């Protein structure tokens, strides 16, 4: 995957109650085929499960870096 991202969300900058909302709003703003970069300070596995529930078959998920300090995940929108 080429690392050209349409948007970046650094979840570390948001309070816990806002993180998933901001991530989903950013994802929903993508066009089909576009990819966003998520930065986080822990494995965002619960977010992955939320995507599976709320956007089944509508997203791609690729770990680019898996800690221990920073997790980087490419989340792509499928059309």
PDB file of N, CA and C in Angstrom:
ATOM      1  N   UNK A   1       0.849  -1.189   0.000  1.00  0.00           N
ATOM      2  CA  UNK A   1       0.000   0.000   0.000  1.00  0.00           C
ATOM      3  C   UNK A   1       0.884   1.238   0.000  1.00  0.00           C
ATOM      4  N   UNK A   2       0.564   2.171  -0.862  1.00  0.00           N
ATOM      5  CA  UNK A   2       1.313   3.418  -0.836  1.00  0.00           C
ATOM      6  C   UNK A   2       0.813   4.243   0.340  1.00  0.00           C
ATOM      7  N   UNK A   3       1.713   4.977   0.936  1.00  0.00           N
ATOM      8  CA  UNK A   3       1.336   5.727   2.120  1.00  0.00           C
ATOM      9  C   UNK A   3       0.917   7.146   1.751  1.00  0.00           C
ATOM     10  N   UNK A   4      -0.130   7.263   0.950  1.00  0.00           N
ATOM     11  CA  UNK A   4      -0.714   8.573   0.671  1.00  0.00           C
ATOM     12  C   UNK A   4      -2.108   8.560   1.283  1.00  0.00           C
ATOM     13  N   UNK A   5      -2.272   9.369   2.295  1.00  0.00           N
ATOM     14  CA  UNK A   5      -3.507   9.346   3.065  1.00  0.00           C
ATOM     15  C   UNK A   5      -4.323  10.605   2.806  1.00  0.00           C
ATOM     16  N   UNK A   6      -5.618  10.427   2.681  1.00  0.00           N
ATOM     17  CA  UNK A   6      -6.516  11.549   2.458  1.00  0.00           C
ATOM     18  C   UNK A   6      -6.720  12.336   3.749  1.00  0.00           C
ATOM     19  N   UNK A   7      -6.593  11.652   4.897  1.00  0.00           N
ATOM     20  CA  UNK A   7      -6.798  12.297   6.194  1.00  0.00           C
ATOM     21  C   UNK A   7      -5.978  11.563   7.245  1.00  0.00           C
ATOM     22  N   UNK A   8      -5.670  12.260   8.315  1.00  0.00           N
ATOM     23  CA  UNK A   8      -4.975  11.663   9.446  1.00  0.00           C
ATOM     24  C   UNK A   8      -5.708  12.031  10.719  1.00  0.00           C
ATOM     25  N   UNK A   9      -5.918  11.043  11.579  1.00  0.00           N
ATOM     26  CA  UNK A   9      -6.471  11.299  12.906  1.00  0.00           C
ATOM     27  C   UNK A   9      -5.451  10.814  13.922  1.00  0.00           C
ATOM     28  N   UNK A  10      -4.989  11.732  14.753  1.00  0.00           N
ATOM     29  CA  UNK A  10      -4.115  11.377  15.856  1.00  0.00           C
ATOM     30  C   UNK A  10      -5.003  11.278  17.095  1.00  0.00           C
ATOM     31  N   UNK A  11      -5.422  10.058  17.407  1.00  0.00           N
ATOM     32  CA  UNK A  11      -6.378   9.839  18.491  1.00  0.00           C
ATOM     33  C   UNK A  11      -5.819  10.257  19.842  1.00  0.00           C
ATOM     34  N   UNK A  12      -4.505  10.377  19.930  1.00  0.00           N
ATOM     35  CA  UNK A  12      -3.879  10.791  21.183  1.00  0.00           C
ATOM     36  C   UNK A  12      -4.235  12.224  21.547  1.00  0.00           C
ATOM     37  N   UNK A  13      -4.714  12.997  20.564  1.00  0.00           N
ATOM     38  CA  UNK A  13      -5.030  14.404  20.788  1.00  0.00           C
ATOM     39  C   UNK A  13      -6.450  14.628  21.294  1.00  0.00           C
ATOM     40  N   UNK A  14      -7.261  13.574  21.382  1.00  0.00           N
ATOM     41  CA  UNK A  14      -8.675  13.722  21.739  1.00  0.00           C
ATOM     42  C   UNK A  14      -8.966  13.050  23.073  1.00  0.00           C
ATOM     43  N   UNK A  15      -9.925  13.604  23.822  1.00  0.00           N
ATOM     44  CA  UNK A  15     -10.343  12.906  25.042  1.00  0.00           C
ATOM     45  C   UNK A  15     -11.030  11.590  24.672  1.00  0.00           C
ATOM     46  N   UNK A  16     -10.964  10.603  25.565  1.00  0.00           N
ATOM     47  CA  UNK A  16     -11.518   9.273  25.243  1.00  0.00           C
ATOM     48  C   UNK A  16     -12.942   9.300  24.703  1.00  0.00           C
ATOM     49  N   UNK A  17     -13.795  10.148  25.224  1.00  0.00           N
ATOM     50  CA  UNK A  17     -15.196  10.153  24.786  1.00  0.00           C
ATOM     51  C   UNK A  17     -15.366  10.606  23.342  1.00  0.00           C
ATOM     52  N   UNK A  18     -14.371  11.298  22.799  1.00  0.00           N
ATOM     53  CA  UNK A  18     -14.489  11.853  21.441  1.00  0.00           C
ATOM     54  C   UNK A  18     -13.766  11.032  20.380  1.00  0.00           C
ATOM     55  N   UNK A  19     -12.875  10.141  20.796  1.00  0.00           N
ATOM     56  CA  UNK A  19     -11.998   9.477  19.831  1.00  0.00           C
ATOM     57  C   UNK A  19     -12.747   8.744  18.727  1.00  0.00           C
ATOM     58  N   UNK A  20     -13.641   7.839  19.081  1.00  0.00           N
ATOM     59  CA  UNK A  20     -14.317   7.033  18.064  1.00  0.00           C
ATOM     60  C   UNK A  20     -15.213   7.893  17.181  1.00  0.00           C
ATOM     61  N   UNK A  21     -15.881   8.884  17.764  1.00  0.00           N
ATOM     62  CA  UNK A  21     -16.733   9.778  16.968  1.00  0.00           C
ATOM     63  C   UNK A  21     -15.908  10.478  15.897  1.00  0.00           C
ATOM     64  N   UNK A  22     -14.773  11.042  16.287  1.00  0.00           N
ATOM     65  CA  UNK A  22     -13.919  11.764  15.336  1.00  0.00           C
ATOM     66  C   UNK A  22     -13.404  10.813  14.254  1.00  0.00           C
ATOM     67  N   UNK A  23     -13.007   9.627  14.651  1.00  0.00           N
ATOM     68  CA  UNK A  23     -12.494   8.650  13.683  1.00  0.00           C
ATOM     69  C   UNK A  23     -13.571   8.266  12.677  1.00  0.00           C
ATOM     70  N   UNK A  24     -14.785   7.980  13.158  1.00  0.00           N
ATOM     71  CA  UNK A  24     -15.856   7.599  12.235  1.00  0.00           C
ATOM     72  C   UNK A  24     -16.286   8.768  11.358  1.00  0.00           C
ATOM     73  N   UNK A  25     -16.314   9.980  11.899  1.00  0.00           N
ATOM     74  CA  UNK A  25     -16.658  11.144  11.074  1.00  0.00           C
ATOM     75  C   UNK A  25     -15.627  11.339   9.970  1.00  0.00           C
ATOM     76  N   UNK A  26     -14.355  11.154  10.303  1.00  0.00           N
ATOM     77  CA  UNK A  26     -13.300  11.281   9.298  1.00  0.00           C
ATOM     78  C   UNK A  26     -13.435  10.188   8.244  1.00  0.00           C
ATOM     79  N   UNK A  27     -13.648   8.950   8.704  1.00  0.00           N
ATOM     80  CA  UNK A  27     -13.820   7.833   7.772  1.00  0.00           C
ATOM     81  C   UNK A  27     -15.012   8.075   6.844  1.00  0.00           C
ATOM     82  N   UNK A  28     -16.121   8.531   7.395  1.00  0.00           N
ATOM     83  CA  UNK A  28     -17.319   8.748   6.589  1.00  0.00           C
ATOM     84  C   UNK A  28     -17.128   9.856   5.557  1.00  0.00           C
ATOM     85  N   UNK A  29     -16.162  10.740   5.792  1.00  0.00           N
ATOM     86  CA  UNK A  29     -15.862  11.795   4.831  1.00  0.00           C
ATOM     87  C   UNK A  29     -14.989  11.343   3.674  1.00  0.00           C
ATOM     88  N   UNK A  30     -14.447  10.137   3.758  1.00  0.00           N
ATOM     89  CA  UNK A  30     -13.625   9.612   2.668  1.00  0.00           C
ATOM     90  C   UNK A  30     -14.497   9.189   1.492  1.00  0.00           C
ATOM     91  N   UNK A  31     -13.916   9.265   0.306  1.00  0.00           N
ATOM     92  CA  UNK A  31     -14.544   8.693  -0.877  1.00  0.00           C
ATOM     93  C   UNK A  31     -14.091   7.241  -1.003  1.00  0.00           C
ATOM     94  N   UNK A  32     -14.836   6.470  -1.740  1.00  0.00           N
ATOM     95  CA  UNK A  32     -14.473   5.082  -1.974  1.00  0.00           C
ATOM     96  C   UNK A  32     -13.055   4.991  -2.519  1.00  0.00           C
ATOM     97  N   UNK A  33     -12.247   4.121  -1.932  1.00  0.00           N
ATOM     98  CA  UNK A  33     -10.873   3.934  -2.367  1.00  0.00           C
ATOM     99  C   UNK A  33      -9.865   4.802  -1.639  1.00  0.00           C
ATOM    100  N   UNK A  34     -10.336   5.781  -0.882  1.00  0.00           N
ATOM    101  CA  UNK A  34      -9.417   6.636  -0.127  1.00  0.00           C
ATOM    102  C   UNK A  34      -9.058   5.985   1.207  1.00  0.00           C
ATOM    103  N   UNK A  35      -7.935   6.420   1.759  1.00  0.00           N
ATOM    104  CA  UNK A  35      -7.408   5.835   2.990  1.00  0.00           C
ATOM    105  C   UNK A  35      -7.067   6.927   3.981  1.00  0.00           C
ATOM    106  N   UNK A  36      -7.379   6.656   5.232  1.00  0.00           N
ATOM    107  CA  UNK A  36      -6.987   7.557   6.311  1.00  0.00           C
ATOM    108  C   UNK A  36      -5.940   6.876   7.178  1.00  0.00           C
ATOM    109  N   UNK A  37      -5.164   7.683   7.880  1.00  0.00           N
ATOM    110  CA  UNK A  37      -4.162   7.176   8.809  1.00  0.00           C
ATOM    111  C   UNK A  37      -4.644   7.449  10.224  1.00  0.00           C
ATOM    112  N   UNK A  38      -4.630   6.419  11.043  1.00  0.00           N
ATOM    113  CA  UNK A  38      -4.959   6.550  12.457  1.00  0.00           C
ATOM    114  C   UNK A  38      -3.687   6.368  13.272  1.00  0.00           C
ATOM    115  N   UNK A  39      -3.435   7.290  14.169  1.00  0.00           N
ATOM    116  CA  UNK A  39      -2.331   7.189  15.121  1.00  0.00           C
ATOM    117  C   UNK A  39      -2.932   7.014  16.506  1.00  0.00           C
ATOM    118  N   UNK A  40      -2.374   6.092  17.291  1.00  0.00           N
ATOM    119  CA  UNK A  40      -2.910   5.838  18.622  1.00  0.00           C
ATOM    120  C   UNK A  40      -1.788   5.400  19.553  1.00  0.00           C
ATOM    121  N   UNK A  41      -2.042   5.467  20.857  1.00  0.00           N
ATOM    122  CA  UNK A  41      -1.025   5.089  21.839  1.00  0.00           C
ATOM    123  C   UNK A  41      -1.240   3.680  22.384  1.00  0.00           C
ATOM    124  N   UNK A  42      -2.218   2.965  21.821  1.00  0.00           N
ATOM    125  CA  UNK A  42      -2.448   1.564  22.179  1.00  0.00           C
ATOM    126  C   UNK A  42      -3.086   0.868  20.981  1.00  0.00           C
ATOM    127  N   UNK A  43      -3.116  -0.436  21.006  1.00  0.00           N
ATOM    128  CA  UNK A  43      -3.710  -1.202  19.912  1.00  0.00           C
ATOM    129  C   UNK A  43      -5.193  -0.850  19.804  1.00  0.00           C
ATOM    130  N   UNK A  44      -5.633  -0.320  18.669  1.00  0.00           N
ATOM    131  CA  UNK A  44      -7.024   0.089  18.519  1.00  0.00           C
ATOM    132  C   UNK A  44      -7.951  -1.071  18.134  1.00  0.00           C
ATOM    133  N   UNK A  45      -7.682  -2.247  18.654  1.00  0.00           N
ATOM    134  CA  UNK A  45      -8.488  -3.428  18.316  1.00  0.00           C
ATOM    135  C   UNK A  45      -9.980  -3.223  18.601  1.00  0.00           C
ATOM    136  N   UNK A  46     -10.382  -2.594  19.742  1.00  0.00           N
ATOM    137  CA  UNK A  46     -11.826  -2.366  19.951  1.00  0.00           C
ATOM    138  C   UNK A  46     -12.460  -1.528  18.832  1.00  0.00           C
ATOM    139  N   UNK A  47     -11.698  -0.585  18.292  1.00  0.00           N
ATOM    140  CA  UNK A  47     -12.193   0.215  17.169  1.00  0.00           C
ATOM    141  C   UNK A  47     -12.393  -0.665  15.943  1.00  0.00           C
ATOM    142  N   UNK A  48     -11.480  -1.595  15.727  1.00  0.00           N
ATOM    143  CA  UNK A  48     -11.610  -2.536  14.606  1.00  0.00           C
ATOM    144  C   UNK A  48     -12.927  -3.305  14.725  1.00  0.00           C
ATOM    145  N   UNK A  49     -13.239  -3.781  15.915  1.00  0.00           N
ATOM    146  CA  UNK A  49     -14.488  -4.521  16.114  1.00  0.00           C
ATOM    147  C   UNK A  49     -15.701  -3.620  15.906  1.00  0.00           C
ATOM    148  N   UNK A  50     -15.588  -2.352  16.298  1.00  0.00           N
ATOM    149  CA  UNK A  50     -16.689  -1.417  16.062  1.00  0.00           C
ATOM    150  C   UNK A  50     -16.885  -1.196  14.568  1.00  0.00           C
ATOM    151  N   UNK A  51     -15.789  -1.078  13.822  1.00  0.00           N
ATOM    152  CA  UNK A  51     -15.895  -0.954  12.366  1.00  0.00           C
ATOM    153  C   UNK A  51     -16.588  -2.188  11.780  1.00  0.00           C
ATOM    154  N   UNK A  52     -16.231  -3.380  12.275  1.00  0.00           N
ATOM    155  CA  UNK A  52     -16.862  -4.602  11.766  1.00  0.00           C
ATOM    156  C   UNK A  52     -18.373  -4.585  11.998  1.00  0.00           C
ATOM    157  N   UNK A  53     -18.785  -4.044  13.132  1.00  0.00           N
ATOM    158  CA  UNK A  53     -20.217  -3.994  13.448  1.00  0.00           C
ATOM    159  C   UNK A  53     -20.943  -2.916  12.641  1.00  0.00           C
ATOM    160  N   UNK A  54     -20.331  -1.737  12.540  1.00  0.00           N
ATOM    161  CA  UNK A  54     -21.018  -0.577  11.965  1.00  0.00           C
ATOM    162  C   UNK A  54     -20.777  -0.384  10.472  1.00  0.00           C
ATOM    163  N   UNK A  55     -19.668  -0.890   9.959  1.00  0.00           N
ATOM    164  CA  UNK A  55     -19.347  -0.728   8.534  1.00  0.00           C
ATOM    165  C   UNK A  55     -18.896  -2.063   7.947  1.00  0.00           C
ATOM    166  N   UNK A  56     -19.689  -3.123   8.121  1.00  0.00           N
ATOM    167  CA  UNK A  56     -19.243  -4.434   7.623  1.00  0.00           C
ATOM    168  C   UNK A  56     -18.980  -4.373   6.113  1.00  0.00           C
ATOM    169  N   UNK A  57     -17.892  -4.964   5.714  1.00  0.00           N
ATOM    170  CA  UNK A  57     -17.484  -5.024   4.306  1.00  0.00           C
ATOM    171  C   UNK A  57     -17.239  -3.652   3.684  1.00  0.00           C
ATOM    172  N   UNK A  58     -17.175  -2.606   4.506  1.00  0.00           N
ATOM    173  CA  UNK A  58     -17.002  -1.269   3.952  1.00  0.00           C
ATOM    174  C   UNK A  58     -15.648  -0.659   4.223  1.00  0.00           C
ATOM    175  N   UNK A  59     -14.739  -1.443   4.812  1.00  0.00           N
ATOM    176  CA  UNK A  59     -13.455  -0.864   5.185  1.00  0.00           C
ATOM    177  C   UNK A  59     -12.327  -1.877   5.053  1.00  0.00           C
ATOM    178  N   UNK A  60     -11.123  -1.345   4.929  1.00  0.00           N
ATOM    179  CA  UNK A  60      -9.912  -2.147   5.005  1.00  0.00           C
ATOM    180  C   UNK A  60      -9.102  -1.671   6.198  1.00  0.00           C
ATOM    181  N   UNK A  61      -8.338  -2.573   6.796  1.00  0.00           N
ATOM    182  CA  UNK A  61      -7.590  -2.268   8.021  1.00  0.00           C
ATOM    183  C   UNK A  61      -6.198  -2.858   7.879  1.00  0.00           C
ATOM    184  N   UNK A  62      -5.177  -2.016   7.925  1.00  0.00           N
ATOM    185  CA  UNK A  62      -3.801  -2.508   7.810  1.00  0.00           C
ATOM    186  C   UNK A  62      -2.929  -1.847   8.867  1.00  0.00           C
ATOM    187  N   UNK A  63      -2.337  -2.672   9.714  1.00  0.00           N
ATOM    188  CA  UNK A  63      -1.377  -2.160  10.690  1.00  0.00           C
ATOM    189  C   UNK A  63      -0.099  -1.785   9.968  1.00  0.00           C
ATOM    190  N   UNK A  64       0.372  -0.554  10.177  1.00  0.00           N
ATOM    191  CA  UNK A  64       1.633  -0.105   9.608  1.00  0.00           C
ATOM    192  C   UNK A  64       2.721  -0.095  10.676  1.00  0.00           C
ATOM    193  N   UNK A  65       2.317   0.086  11.913  1.00  0.00           N
ATOM    194  CA  UNK A  65       3.236   0.064  13.050  1.00  0.00           C
ATOM    195  C   UNK A  65       2.446  -0.407  14.260  1.00  0.00           C
ATOM    196  N   UNK A  66       3.017  -1.353  15.025  1.00  0.00           N
ATOM    197  CA  UNK A  66       2.299  -1.946  16.155  1.00  0.00           C
ATOM    198  C   UNK A  66       3.072  -1.764  17.449  1.00  0.00           C
ATOM    199  N   UNK A  67       3.139  -0.501  17.894  1.00  0.00           N
ATOM    200  CA  UNK A  67       3.713  -0.175  19.189  1.00  0.00           C
ATOM    201  C   UNK A  67       5.202  -0.407  19.271  1.00  0.00           C
ATOM    202  N   UNK A  68       5.726  -0.340  20.481  1.00  0.00           N
ATOM    203  CA  UNK A  68       4.996  -0.221  21.745  1.00  0.00           C
ATOM    204  C   UNK A  68       4.570   1.207  22.091  1.00  0.00           C
ATOM    205  N   UNK A  69       5.137   2.215  21.401  1.00  0.00           N
ATOM    206  CA  UNK A  69       4.793   3.607  21.722  1.00  0.00           C
ATOM    207  C   UNK A  69       3.618   4.111  20.873  1.00  0.00           C
ATOM    208  N   UNK A  70       3.659   3.787  19.591  1.00  0.00           N
ATOM    209  CA  UNK A  70       2.671   4.307  18.645  1.00  0.00           C
ATOM    210  C   UNK A  70       2.151   3.174  17.773  1.00  0.00           C
ATOM    211  N   UNK A  71       0.854   3.185  17.560  1.00  0.00           N
ATOM    212  CA  UNK A  71       0.225   2.297  16.586  1.00  0.00           C
ATOM    213  C   UNK A  71      -0.210   3.172  15.416  1.00  0.00           C
ATOM    214  N   UNK A  72       0.122   2.732  14.208  1.00  0.00           N
ATOM    215  CA  UNK A  72      -0.293   3.409  12.986  1.00  0.00           C
ATOM    216  C   UNK A  72      -1.115   2.416  12.182  1.00  0.00           C
ATOM    217  N   UNK A  73      -2.342   2.826  11.825  1.00  0.00           N
ATOM    218  CA  UNK A  73      -3.242   1.951  11.086  1.00  0.00           C
ATOM    219  C   UNK A  73      -3.781   2.690   9.874  1.00  0.00           C
ATOM    220  N   UNK A  74      -3.679   2.055   8.718  1.00  0.00           N
ATOM    221  CA  UNK A  74      -4.297   2.572   7.508  1.00  0.00           C
ATOM    222  C   UNK A  74      -5.705   1.992   7.422  1.00  0.00           C
ATOM    223  N   UNK A  75      -6.702   2.868   7.382  1.00  0.00           N
ATOM    224  CA  UNK A  75      -8.100   2.443   7.286  1.00  0.00           C
ATOM    225  C   UNK A  75      -8.625   2.962   5.946  1.00  0.00           C
ATOM    226  N   UNK A  76      -8.986   2.031   5.075  1.00  0.00           N
ATOM    227  CA  UNK A  76      -9.429   2.414   3.733  1.00  0.00           C
ATOM    228  C   UNK A  76     -10.938   2.199   3.602  1.00  0.00           C
ATOM    229  N   UNK A  77     -11.524   3.023   2.745  1.00  0.00           N
ATOM    230  CA  UNK A  77     -12.966   2.943   2.507  1.00  0.00           C
ATOM    231  C   UNK A  77     -13.211   2.151   1.222  1.00  0.00           C
ATOM    232  N   UNK A  78     -14.014   1.116   1.345  1.00  0.00           N
ATOM    233  CA  UNK A  78     -14.362   0.301   0.188  1.00  0.00           C
ATOM    234  C   UNK A  78     -15.703   0.787  -0.363  1.00  0.00           C
ATOM    235  N   UNK A  79     -15.854   0.669  -1.674  1.00  0.00           N
ATOM    236  CA  UNK A  79     -17.060   1.185  -2.279  1.00  0.00           C
ATOM    237  C   UNK A  79     -18.032   0.142  -2.602  1.00  0.00           C
TER     238      UNK A  79
END
